[in-house]
C-alpha atoms as a PDB file:
ATOM      1  CA  MET A   1       0.103   1.740 -16.382  1.00  0.00           C
ATOM      2  CA  LYS A   2       3.873   0.092 -16.203  1.00  0.00           C
ATOM      3  CA  HIS A   3       4.177  -3.047 -14.525  1.00  0.00           C
ATOM      4  CA  ILE A   4       5.728  -6.194 -13.825  1.00  0.00           C
ATOM      5  CA  PHE A   5       3.871  -9.385 -13.667  1.00  0.00           C
ATOM      6  CA  ILE A   6       5.966 -12.428 -12.056  1.00  0.00           C
ATOM      7  CA  GLN A   7       3.819 -16.140 -11.698  1.00  0.00           C
ATOM      8  CA  GLY A   8       4.047 -17.476  -8.356  1.00  0.00           C
ATOM      9  CA  LYS A   9       4.752 -20.765  -7.396  1.00  0.00           C
ATOM     10  CA  ASP A  10       1.712 -21.440  -5.843  1.00  0.00           C
ATOM     11  CA  PRO A  11      -1.469 -20.271  -7.707  1.00  0.00           C
ATOM     12  CA  ILE A  12      -3.508 -20.291  -4.144  1.00  0.00           C
ATOM     13  CA  LYS A  13      -1.434 -17.638  -2.695  1.00  0.00           C
ATOM     14  CA  PRO A  14      -2.920 -13.592  -2.845  1.00  0.00           C
ATOM     15  CA  THR A  15      -1.595 -11.986  -5.320  1.00  0.00           C
ATOM     16  CA  LEU A  16       1.348  -8.723  -3.472  1.00  0.00           C
ATOM     17  CA  VAL A  17       0.400  -5.443  -5.256  1.00  0.00           C
ATOM     18  CA  LEU A  18       3.753  -3.874  -4.719  1.00  0.00           C
ATOM     19  CA  LEU A  19       3.676   0.095  -4.641  1.00  0.00           C
ATOM     20  CA  HIS A  20       7.031   2.178  -4.700  1.00  0.00           C
ATOM     21  CA  GLY A  21       7.826   5.315  -2.848  1.00  0.00           C
ATOM     22  CA  THR A  22       8.751   8.717  -4.330  1.00  0.00           C
ATOM     23  CA  GLY A  23      11.356   8.166  -7.411  1.00  0.00           C
ATOM     24  CA  GLY A  24      11.238   4.225  -7.100  1.00  0.00           C
ATOM     25  CA  ASP A  25       9.810   2.069 -10.164  1.00  0.00           C
ATOM     26  CA  GLU A  26       8.466  -1.471 -10.477  1.00  0.00           C
ATOM     27  CA  GLN A  27      11.447  -3.078  -9.593  1.00  0.00           C
ATOM     28  CA  SER A  28      12.137  -1.539  -6.109  1.00  0.00           C
ATOM     29  CA  LEU A  29       9.906  -3.358  -3.791  1.00  0.00           C
ATOM     30  CA  LEU A  30      10.429  -6.920  -5.694  1.00  0.00           C
ATOM     31  CA  SER A  31      13.179  -8.071  -2.670  1.00  0.00           C
ATOM     32  CA  LEU A  32      10.614  -7.018  -0.334  1.00  0.00           C
ATOM     33  CA  ALA A  33       7.744  -9.035  -1.759  1.00  0.00           C
ATOM     34  CA  ASP A  34      10.398 -11.931  -1.932  1.00  0.00           C
ATOM     35  CA  LEU A  35      10.438 -11.687   1.989  1.00  0.00           C
ATOM     36  CA  ILE A  36       7.362 -10.912   2.537  1.00  0.00           C
ATOM     37  CA  ASP A  37       6.023 -14.206   0.300  1.00  0.00           C
ATOM     38  CA  PRO A  38       8.221 -16.055  -2.112  1.00  0.00           C
ATOM     39  CA  GLU A  39       5.926 -18.259  -3.224  1.00  0.00           C
ATOM     40  CA  ALA A  40       2.875 -15.322  -4.095  1.00  0.00           C
ATOM     41  CA  SER A  41       2.383 -13.772  -7.593  1.00  0.00           C
ATOM     42  CA  ILE A  42       3.753 -10.186  -7.922  1.00  0.00           C
ATOM     43  CA  LEU A  43       1.974  -6.810  -9.894  1.00  0.00           C
ATOM     44  CA  SER A  44       4.779  -4.807  -9.350  1.00  0.00           C
ATOM     45  CA  ILE A  45       3.361  -1.317 -10.616  1.00  0.00           C
ATOM     46  CA  ARG A  46       5.480   2.094 -11.295  1.00  0.00           C
ATOM     47  CA  GLY A  47       3.308   5.537 -10.366  1.00  0.00           C
ATOM     48  CA  ASN A  48       2.951   7.611 -13.419  1.00  0.00           C
ATOM     49  CA  VAL A  49       3.143  10.842 -12.220  1.00  0.00           C
ATOM     50  CA  LEU A  50       6.366  12.676 -12.388  1.00  0.00           C
ATOM     51  CA  GLU A  51       7.783  15.253  -9.851  1.00  0.00           C
ATOM     52  CA  ASN A  52      10.812  16.580 -10.966  1.00  0.00           C
ATOM     53  CA  GLY A  53      11.534  13.223 -12.942  1.00  0.00           C
ATOM     54  CA  MET A  54      10.623  11.104 -10.044  1.00  0.00           C
ATOM     55  CA  PRO A  55       8.123   8.879 -10.441  1.00  0.00           C
ATOM     56  CA  ARG A  56       4.902   9.288  -7.780  1.00  0.00           C
ATOM     57  CA  PHE A  57       1.522   7.710  -7.764  1.00  0.00           C
ATOM     58  CA  PHE A  58      -0.089  11.189  -7.246  1.00  0.00           C
ATOM     59  CA  LYS A  59       0.453  14.831  -6.993  1.00  0.00           C
ATOM     60  CA  ARG A  60       1.290  17.034  -4.645  1.00  0.00           C
ATOM     61  CA  VAL A  61       0.724  20.495  -3.192  1.00  0.00           C
ATOM     62  CA  ALA A  62       4.141  20.248  -1.043  1.00  0.00           C
ATOM     63  CA  GLU A  63       5.506  17.536   0.884  1.00  0.00           C
ATOM     64  CA  GLY A  64       3.031  15.973   3.133  1.00  0.00           C
ATOM     65  CA  ILE A  65       0.322  18.062   1.160  1.00  0.00           C
ATOM     66  CA  PHE A  66      -1.695  15.965  -1.692  1.00  0.00           C
ATOM     67  CA  ASP A  67      -3.373  17.483  -4.154  1.00  0.00           C
ATOM     68  CA  LEU A  68      -6.545  15.932  -3.414  1.00  0.00           C
ATOM     69  CA  GLU A  69      -8.300  16.043  -6.950  1.00  0.00           C
ATOM     70  CA  ASP A  70      -5.700  14.293  -8.622  1.00  0.00           C
ATOM     71  CA  LEU A  71      -5.035  11.534  -5.716  1.00  0.00           C
ATOM     72  CA  GLU A  72      -8.769  10.752  -6.044  1.00  0.00           C
ATOM     73  CA  LYS A  73      -8.277  10.506  -9.989  1.00  0.00           C
ATOM     74  CA  ARG A  74      -5.169   8.231 -10.068  1.00  0.00           C
ATOM     75  CA  THR A  75      -7.138   6.374  -7.413  1.00  0.00           C
ATOM     76  CA  PHE A  76      -9.870   5.080  -9.233  1.00  0.00           C
ATOM     77  CA  GLU A  77      -7.293   4.456 -12.106  1.00  0.00           C
ATOM     78  CA  LEU A  78      -5.081   2.400 -10.110  1.00  0.00           C
ATOM     79  CA  LYS A  79      -8.531   0.215  -9.236  1.00  0.00           C
ATOM     80  CA  GLU A  80      -9.315  -0.174 -12.673  1.00  0.00           C
ATOM     81  CA  PHE A  81      -5.912  -1.182 -13.394  1.00  0.00           C
ATOM     82  CA  ILE A  82      -5.582  -3.821 -11.274  1.00  0.00           C
ATOM     83  CA  ASP A  83      -9.041  -5.166 -12.509  1.00  0.00           C
ATOM     84  CA  LYS A  84      -7.868  -5.457 -16.194  1.00  0.00           C
ATOM     85  CA  ALA A  85      -4.784  -7.004 -14.879  1.00  0.00           C
ATOM     86  CA  ALA A  86      -6.358  -9.280 -12.884  1.00  0.00           C
ATOM     87  CA  ASP A  87      -8.187 -10.473 -16.425  1.00  0.00           C
ATOM     88  CA  GLN A  88      -5.013 -10.323 -18.180  1.00  0.00           C
ATOM     89  CA  TYR A  89      -3.247 -12.585 -15.763  1.00  0.00           C
ATOM     90  CA  GLU A  90      -5.962 -14.491 -14.833  1.00  0.00           C
ATOM     91  CA  PHE A  91      -5.064 -13.964 -10.779  1.00  0.00           C
ATOM     92  CA  ASP A  92      -7.889 -14.124  -8.320  1.00  0.00           C
ATOM     93  CA  ARG A  93      -8.779 -10.088  -7.927  1.00  0.00           C
ATOM     94  CA  LYS A  94     -10.328 -11.183  -4.679  1.00  0.00           C
ATOM     95  CA  LYS A  95      -6.629 -12.006  -3.164  1.00  0.00           C
ATOM     96  CA  CYS A  96      -4.846  -8.972  -3.583  1.00  0.00           C
ATOM     97  CA  VAL A  97      -2.230  -7.954  -0.898  1.00  0.00           C
ATOM     98  CA  ALA A  98      -1.090  -4.193  -1.590  1.00  0.00           C
ATOM     99  CA  ILE A  99       2.659  -3.797  -0.134  1.00  0.00           C
ATOM    100  CA  GLY A 100       3.260  -0.039  -0.325  1.00  0.00           C
ATOM    101  CA  TYR A 101       5.954   2.268   0.995  1.00  0.00           C
ATOM    102  CA  SER A 102       5.238   6.080   1.613  1.00  0.00           C
ATOM    103  CA  ASN A 103       4.036   7.677  -1.577  1.00  0.00           C
ATOM    104  CA  GLY A 104       3.088   4.049  -2.847  1.00  0.00           C
ATOM    105  CA  ALA A 105       1.663   3.205   1.012  1.00  0.00           C
ATOM    106  CA  ASN A 106      -0.293   6.696   0.608  1.00  0.00           C
ATOM    107  CA  ILE A 107      -2.811   5.630  -2.478  1.00  0.00           C
ATOM    108  CA  ALA A 108      -3.044   1.987  -1.095  1.00  0.00           C
ATOM    109  CA  ALA A 109      -4.383   3.275   1.703  1.00  0.00           C
ATOM    110  CA  SER A 110      -6.372   5.621  -0.514  1.00  0.00           C
ATOM    111  CA  LEU A 111      -7.612   2.739  -2.842  1.00  0.00           C
ATOM    112  CA  LEU A 112      -9.135   1.294   1.158  1.00  0.00           C
ATOM    113  CA  PHE A 113     -10.811   4.476   1.672  1.00  0.00           C
ATOM    114  CA  TYR A 114     -12.978   4.511  -1.534  1.00  0.00           C
ATOM    115  CA  PHE A 115     -13.309   0.759  -2.203  1.00  0.00           C
ATOM    116  CA  GLU A 116     -14.660  -1.407   0.176  1.00  0.00           C
ATOM    117  CA  THR A 117     -13.436  -4.816  -1.659  1.00  0.00           C
ATOM    118  CA  VAL A 118     -10.386  -3.541  -3.274  1.00  0.00           C
ATOM    119  CA  LEU A 119      -8.008  -5.913  -1.004  1.00  0.00           C
ATOM    120  CA  GLN A 120      -7.830  -8.430   0.884  1.00  0.00           C
ATOM    121  CA  GLY A 121      -5.591  -6.894   2.878  1.00  0.00           C
ATOM    122  CA  ALA A 122      -2.615  -4.275   3.129  1.00  0.00           C
ATOM    123  CA  ILE A 123       0.981  -3.800   4.418  1.00  0.00           C
ATOM    124  CA  LEU A 124       1.660  -0.187   4.877  1.00  0.00           C
ATOM    125  CA  HIS A 125       5.402   1.113   5.111  1.00  0.00           C
ATOM    126  CA  HIS A 126       4.682   4.732   6.534  1.00  0.00           C
ATOM    127  CA  PRO A 127       1.845   5.787   5.927  1.00  0.00           C
ATOM    128  CA  MET A 128       0.032   9.076   6.250  1.00  0.00           C
ATOM    129  CA  VAL A 129      -3.870  10.111   6.151  1.00  0.00           C
ATOM    130  CA  PRO A 130      -4.454  10.070   2.074  1.00  0.00           C
ATOM    131  CA  ARG A 131      -7.741  12.234   3.225  1.00  0.00           C
ATOM    132  CA  ARG A 132     -10.188  13.425   6.144  1.00  0.00           C
ATOM    133  CA  ASP A 133     -12.911  14.735   3.802  1.00  0.00           C
ATOM    134  CA  ILE A 134     -14.841  11.908   2.899  1.00  0.00           C
ATOM    135  CA  LEU A 135     -16.791   8.792   4.467  1.00  0.00           C
ATOM    136  CA  LEU A 136     -14.907   5.307   4.538  1.00  0.00           C
ATOM    137  CA  PRO A 137     -16.865   2.367   3.253  1.00  0.00           C
ATOM    138  CA  ASP A 138     -16.952  -0.622   5.428  1.00  0.00           C
ATOM    139  CA  LEU A 139     -13.404  -2.587   5.580  1.00  0.00           C
ATOM    140  CA  THR A 140     -15.150  -5.369   8.759  1.00  0.00           C
ATOM    141  CA  GLY A 141     -12.371  -8.219   8.745  1.00  0.00           C
ATOM    142  CA  ILE A 142      -9.656  -6.478   6.575  1.00  0.00           C
ATOM    143  CA  PRO A 143      -6.616  -6.821   8.014  1.00  0.00           C
ATOM    144  CA  VAL A 144      -3.896  -4.062   7.875  1.00  0.00           C
ATOM    145  CA  PHE A 145      -0.521  -3.790   8.823  1.00  0.00           C
ATOM    146  CA  ILE A 146       1.178  -0.351   9.248  1.00  0.00           C
ATOM    147  CA  GLY A 147       5.083  -0.017   9.533  1.00  0.00           C
ATOM    148  CA  ALA A 148       6.070   3.323  11.312  1.00  0.00           C
ATOM    149  CA  GLY A 149       8.977   5.610  12.778  1.00  0.00           C
ATOM    150  CA  THR A 150       8.680   7.037  16.493  1.00  0.00           C
ATOM    151  CA  ASN A 151      10.812   9.738  14.386  1.00  0.00           C
ATOM    152  CA  ASP A 152       9.426   9.396  11.090  1.00  0.00           C
ATOM    153  CA  PRO A 153      10.286  13.797   9.255  1.00  0.00           C
ATOM    154  CA  LEU A 154       7.284  12.789   7.370  1.00  0.00           C
ATOM    155  CA  CYS A 155       4.768  10.938   9.590  1.00  0.00           C
ATOM    156  CA  ALA A 156       4.160  11.902  12.686  1.00  0.00           C
ATOM    157  CA  PRO A 157       3.008   9.487  15.069  1.00  0.00           C
ATOM    158  CA  GLU A 158      -0.380  11.293  15.679  1.00  0.00           C
ATOM    159  CA  GLU A 159      -0.834  10.695  11.735  1.00  0.00           C
ATOM    160  CA  THR A 160      -0.107   6.786  12.240  1.00  0.00           C
ATOM    161  CA  ASN A 161      -2.738   7.023  15.163  1.00  0.00           C
ATOM    162  CA  GLU A 162      -5.374   8.814  13.052  1.00  0.00           C
ATOM    163  CA  LEU A 163      -5.049   6.442  10.573  1.00  0.00           C
ATOM    164  CA  ARG A 164      -5.212   3.379  12.731  1.00  0.00           C
ATOM    165  CA  ASP A 165      -8.430   5.033  14.340  1.00  0.00           C
ATOM    166  CA  MET A 166     -10.004   5.523  11.699  1.00  0.00           C
ATOM    167  CA  LEU A 167      -9.701   2.333   9.748  1.00  0.00           C
ATOM    168  CA  GLN A 168     -10.460   0.813  12.709  1.00  0.00           C
ATOM    169  CA  THR A 169     -13.680   2.541  13.188  1.00  0.00           C
ATOM    170  CA  LYS A 170     -14.949   1.352   9.732  1.00  0.00           C
ATOM    171  CA  GLY A 171     -13.909  -2.492  11.191  1.00  0.00           C
ATOM    172  CA  ALA A 172     -10.562  -2.948   9.729  1.00  0.00           C
ATOM    173  CA  ASP A 173      -8.162  -5.325  11.957  1.00  0.00           C
ATOM    174  CA  VAL A 174      -5.193  -3.046  12.648  1.00  0.00           C
ATOM    175  CA  THR A 175      -1.834  -4.102  13.234  1.00  0.00           C
ATOM    176  CA  VAL A 176       0.630  -1.159  13.944  1.00  0.00           C
ATOM    177  CA  HIS A 177       4.838  -1.651  14.627  1.00  0.00           C
ATOM    178  CA  TRP A 178       6.976   1.058  15.807  1.00  0.00           C
ATOM    179  CA  ASP A 179      10.820   1.223  14.785  1.00  0.00           C
ATOM    180  CA  HIS A 180      12.450   3.895  16.694  1.00  0.00           C
ATOM    181  CA  PHE A 181      14.066   5.075  13.350  1.00  0.00           C
ATOM    182  CA  GLY A 182      12.504   7.511  10.634  1.00  0.00           C
ATOM    183  CA  HIS A 183      10.981   7.177   7.262  1.00  0.00           C
ATOM    184  CA  GLN A 184      13.579   4.557   6.270  1.00  0.00           C
ATOM    185  CA  LEU A 185      12.749   1.047   5.779  1.00  0.00           C
ATOM    186  CA  THR A 186      13.812  -1.588   8.216  1.00  0.00           C
ATOM    187  CA  MET A 187      14.806  -5.087   8.250  1.00  0.00           C
ATOM    188  CA  LYS A 188      12.897  -5.136  11.234  1.00  0.00           C
ATOM    189  CA  GLU A 189       9.891  -3.313   9.877  1.00  0.00           C
ATOM    190  CA  VAL A 190       9.905  -5.366   6.924  1.00  0.00           C
ATOM    191  CA  GLU A 191      10.384  -9.031   9.179  1.00  0.00           C
ATOM    192  CA  LYS A 192       7.491  -7.843  11.271  1.00  0.00           C
ATOM    193  CA  ALA A 193       5.618  -7.381   8.395  1.00  0.00           C
ATOM    194  CA  ALA A 194       6.101 -10.783   7.074  1.00  0.00           C
ATOM    195  CA  GLU A 195       5.143 -12.432  10.902  1.00  0.00           C
ATOM    196  CA  TRP A 196       2.399 -10.768   9.886  1.00  0.00           C
ATOM    197  CA  TYR A 197       1.087 -11.295   6.117  1.00  0.00           C
ATOM    198  CA  HIS A 198       1.936 -15.507   7.558  1.00  0.00           C
ATOM    199  CA  LYS A 199      -0.377 -14.479  10.087  1.00  0.00           C
ATOM    200  CA  PHE A 200      -3.471 -12.769   8.922  1.00  0.00           C
ATOM    201  CA  ILE A 201      -3.216 -13.730   4.750  1.00  0.00           C
END
Protein backbone atom coordinates (compact mmCIF):
# COMPACT_ATOMS: atom_id res chain seq x y z
CA MET A 1 0.00 0.00 0.00
CA LYS A 2 1.27 3.48 -0.80
CA HIS A 3 2.26 5.20 2.40
CA ILE A 4 4.52 7.60 4.26
CA PHE A 5 6.46 6.72 7.39
CA ILE A 6 7.90 9.52 9.51
CA GLN A 7 10.10 8.62 12.45
CA GLY A 8 8.98 10.45 15.58
CA LYS A 9 11.14 12.43 17.95
CA ASP A 10 10.17 10.27 20.92
CA PRO A 11 10.53 6.50 20.36
CA ILE A 12 8.42 5.79 23.44
CA LYS A 13 5.36 7.39 21.86
CA PRO A 14 2.86 5.34 19.85
CA THR A 15 2.89 5.24 16.07
CA LEU A 16 -0.07 7.16 14.63
CA VAL A 17 -1.70 5.22 11.78
CA LEU A 18 -3.40 7.79 9.55
CA LEU A 19 -6.37 6.72 7.44
CA HIS A 20 -7.84 9.39 5.14
CA GLY A 21 -11.38 9.97 3.92
CA THR A 22 -12.71 9.38 0.41
CA GLY A 23 -10.60 11.25 -2.14
CA GLY A 24 -7.72 11.83 0.26
CA ASP A 25 -4.27 10.31 0.25
CA GLU A 26 -1.28 9.69 2.50
CA GLN A 27 -0.64 13.45 2.75
CA SER A 28 -4.14 14.41 3.88
CA LEU A 29 -3.94 13.90 7.64
CA LEU A 30 -0.29 14.77 8.32
CA SER A 31 -1.18 18.18 9.74
CA LEU A 32 -3.83 16.54 11.91
CA ALA A 33 -1.29 14.11 13.36
CA ASP A 34 0.98 17.04 14.19
CA LEU A 35 -1.85 18.60 16.20
CA ILE A 36 -2.53 15.36 18.07
CA ASP A 37 1.08 14.45 18.92
CA PRO A 38 3.99 16.19 17.14
CA GLU A 39 6.53 13.81 18.72
CA ALA A 40 4.95 10.52 17.63
CA SER A 41 5.94 8.43 14.62
CA ILE A 42 3.51 8.44 11.70
CA LEU A 43 2.42 5.71 9.32
CA SER A 44 0.09 7.38 6.84
CA ILE A 45 -1.56 5.02 4.36
CA ARG A 46 -3.35 5.57 1.06
CA GLY A 47 -6.42 3.46 0.40
CA ASN A 48 -5.91 1.23 -2.61
CA VAL A 49 -9.50 1.15 -3.86
CA LEU A 50 -10.56 3.77 -6.41
CA GLU A 51 -14.08 5.15 -6.73
CA ASN A 52 -14.38 7.47 -9.71
CA GLY A 53 -10.65 8.11 -9.38
CA MET A 54 -10.85 8.85 -5.64
CA PRO A 55 -8.85 6.67 -3.22
CA ARG A 56 -10.82 4.78 -0.59
CA PHE A 57 -10.05 1.91 1.77
CA PHE A 58 -12.90 -0.35 0.61
CA LYS A 59 -15.70 -0.47 -1.92
CA ARG A 60 -19.26 0.61 -1.31
CA VAL A 61 -22.48 -0.28 -3.11
CA ALA A 62 -23.89 3.22 -2.66
CA GLU A 63 -23.39 6.13 -0.27
CA GLY A 64 -23.69 4.71 3.23
CA ILE A 65 -23.97 1.11 1.99
CA PHE A 66 -20.74 -0.86 2.27
CA ASP A 67 -19.58 -3.78 0.18
CA LEU A 68 -19.16 -6.06 3.19
CA GLU A 69 -17.14 -8.71 1.37
CA ASP A 70 -14.65 -6.12 0.18
CA LEU A 71 -14.62 -4.42 3.59
CA GLU A 72 -13.59 -7.68 5.23
CA LYS A 73 -10.92 -8.35 2.61
CA ARG A 74 -9.46 -4.83 2.90
CA THR A 75 -9.56 -4.90 6.72
CA PHE A 76 -7.41 -8.03 6.80
CA GLU A 77 -5.17 -6.54 4.10
CA LEU A 78 -4.68 -3.36 6.14
CA LYS A 79 -3.90 -5.30 9.30
CA GLU A 80 -1.29 -7.35 7.43
CA PHE A 81 0.25 -4.19 5.99
CA ILE A 82 0.58 -2.58 9.43
CA ASP A 83 2.22 -5.77 10.72
CA LYS A 84 4.77 -5.70 7.90
CA ALA A 85 5.38 -1.97 8.27
CA ALA A 86 6.18 -2.48 11.97
CA ASP A 87 8.89 -4.95 10.98
CA GLN A 88 10.20 -2.74 8.18
CA TYR A 89 10.35 0.49 10.18
CA GLU A 90 11.01 -1.13 13.55
CA PHE A 91 8.21 0.47 15.54
CA ASP A 92 6.34 -1.20 18.40
CA ARG A 93 3.41 -3.03 16.83
CA LYS A 94 1.59 -3.06 20.16
CA LYS A 95 1.61 0.75 20.31
CA CYS A 96 -0.37 1.81 17.24
CA VAL A 97 -3.12 4.41 17.47
CA ALA A 98 -5.36 4.80 14.44
CA ILE A 99 -6.56 8.26 13.42
CA GLY A 100 -9.20 8.00 10.74
CA TYR A 101 -11.63 10.36 9.08
CA SER A 102 -14.87 9.22 7.40
CA ASN A 103 -13.94 6.25 5.17
CA GLY A 104 -10.65 5.94 7.06
CA ALA A 105 -12.51 5.98 10.38
CA ASN A 106 -14.78 3.24 9.08
CA ILE A 107 -11.94 0.88 8.28
CA ALA A 108 -10.23 1.73 11.57
CA ALA A 109 -13.47 0.74 13.33
CA SER A 110 -13.51 -2.41 11.22
CA LEU A 111 -10.04 -3.30 12.51
CA LEU A 112 -11.47 -3.14 16.04
CA PHE A 113 -14.45 -5.25 14.98
CA TYR A 114 -12.19 -8.06 13.74
CA PHE A 115 -9.02 -8.03 15.84
CA GLU A 116 -8.60 -8.06 19.60
CA THR A 117 -5.16 -6.44 19.90
CA VAL A 118 -4.70 -4.65 16.58
CA LEU A 119 -4.72 -1.11 18.05
CA GLN A 120 -3.69 0.49 21.33
CA GLY A 121 -6.44 3.05 20.76
CA ALA A 122 -8.34 4.85 18.01
CA ILE A 123 -9.50 8.34 17.10
CA LEU A 124 -12.49 8.00 14.78
CA HIS A 125 -13.70 11.19 13.12
CA HIS A 126 -17.25 10.74 11.77
CA PRO A 127 -17.36 6.94 11.53
CA MET A 128 -20.29 4.69 10.74
CA VAL A 129 -20.99 1.18 12.06
CA PRO A 130 -18.82 -0.93 9.72
CA ARG A 131 -21.06 -3.98 9.98
CA ARG A 132 -23.68 -5.57 12.21
CA ASP A 133 -23.38 -9.27 11.39
CA ILE A 134 -20.24 -10.36 13.25
CA LEU A 135 -19.33 -10.98 16.87
CA LEU A 136 -16.85 -8.39 18.10
CA PRO A 137 -13.68 -9.44 19.96
CA ASP A 138 -12.86 -8.53 23.54
CA LEU A 139 -11.91 -4.82 23.51
CA THR A 140 -11.54 -4.41 27.26
CA GLY A 141 -9.59 -1.29 28.14
CA ILE A 142 -9.04 -0.06 24.58
CA PRO A 143 -9.72 3.70 24.48
CA VAL A 144 -11.70 5.05 21.53
CA PHE A 145 -12.54 8.66 20.68
CA ILE A 146 -15.46 9.30 18.34
CA GLY A 147 -15.95 12.74 16.83
CA ALA A 148 -19.47 13.30 15.53
CA GLY A 149 -21.71 16.02 14.14
CA THR A 150 -25.30 16.43 15.26
CA ASN A 151 -26.16 17.54 11.71
CA ASP A 152 -23.99 15.02 9.87
CA PRO A 153 -25.95 13.97 6.74
CA LEU A 154 -23.79 10.86 6.22
CA CYS A 155 -23.70 9.63 9.80
CA ALA A 156 -26.81 10.23 11.88
CA PRO A 157 -26.49 10.57 15.66
CA GLU A 158 -28.27 7.23 16.03
CA GLU A 159 -25.45 5.60 14.05
CA THR A 160 -22.82 7.15 16.30
CA ASN A 161 -24.64 6.01 19.42
CA GLU A 162 -25.00 2.50 18.02
CA LEU A 163 -21.26 2.29 17.30
CA ARG A 164 -20.48 3.59 20.79
CA ASP A 165 -22.77 0.99 22.37
CA MET A 166 -21.34 -1.87 20.30
CA LEU A 167 -17.78 -0.99 21.30
CA GLN A 168 -18.67 -0.42 24.95
CA THR A 169 -20.48 -3.75 25.14
CA LYS A 170 -17.16 -5.44 24.35
CA GLY A 171 -15.28 -3.43 26.98
CA ALA A 172 -13.87 -0.47 25.03
CA ASP A 173 -13.56 2.85 26.84
CA VAL A 174 -15.44 5.13 24.43
CA THR A 175 -15.56 8.93 24.50
CA VAL A 176 -17.91 10.73 22.10
CA HIS A 177 -17.47 14.40 21.25
CA TRP A 178 -20.40 16.13 19.56
CA ASP A 179 -20.20 19.27 17.42
CA HIS A 180 -23.26 21.01 16.02
CA PHE A 181 -22.00 20.69 12.46
CA GLY A 182 -22.13 18.22 9.61
CA HIS A 183 -19.58 15.76 8.26
CA GLN A 184 -16.68 18.22 8.25
CA LEU A 185 -13.78 17.94 10.66
CA THR A 186 -13.65 21.04 12.86
CA MET A 187 -10.74 22.47 14.81
CA LYS A 188 -12.72 22.11 18.04
CA GLU A 189 -13.13 18.40 17.34
CA VAL A 190 -9.40 18.04 16.70
CA GLU A 191 -8.59 19.89 19.92
CA LYS A 192 -10.88 17.59 21.89
CA ALA A 193 -9.27 14.56 20.22
CA ALA A 194 -5.83 15.86 21.25
CA GLU A 195 -6.99 16.36 24.84
CA TRP A 196 -8.40 12.84 24.86
CA TYR A 197 -5.20 11.40 23.39
CA HIS A 198 -2.93 12.92 26.02
CA LYS A 199 -5.25 11.70 28.78
CA PHE A 200 -5.79 8.11 27.62
CA ILE A 201 -2.81 7.12 25.47
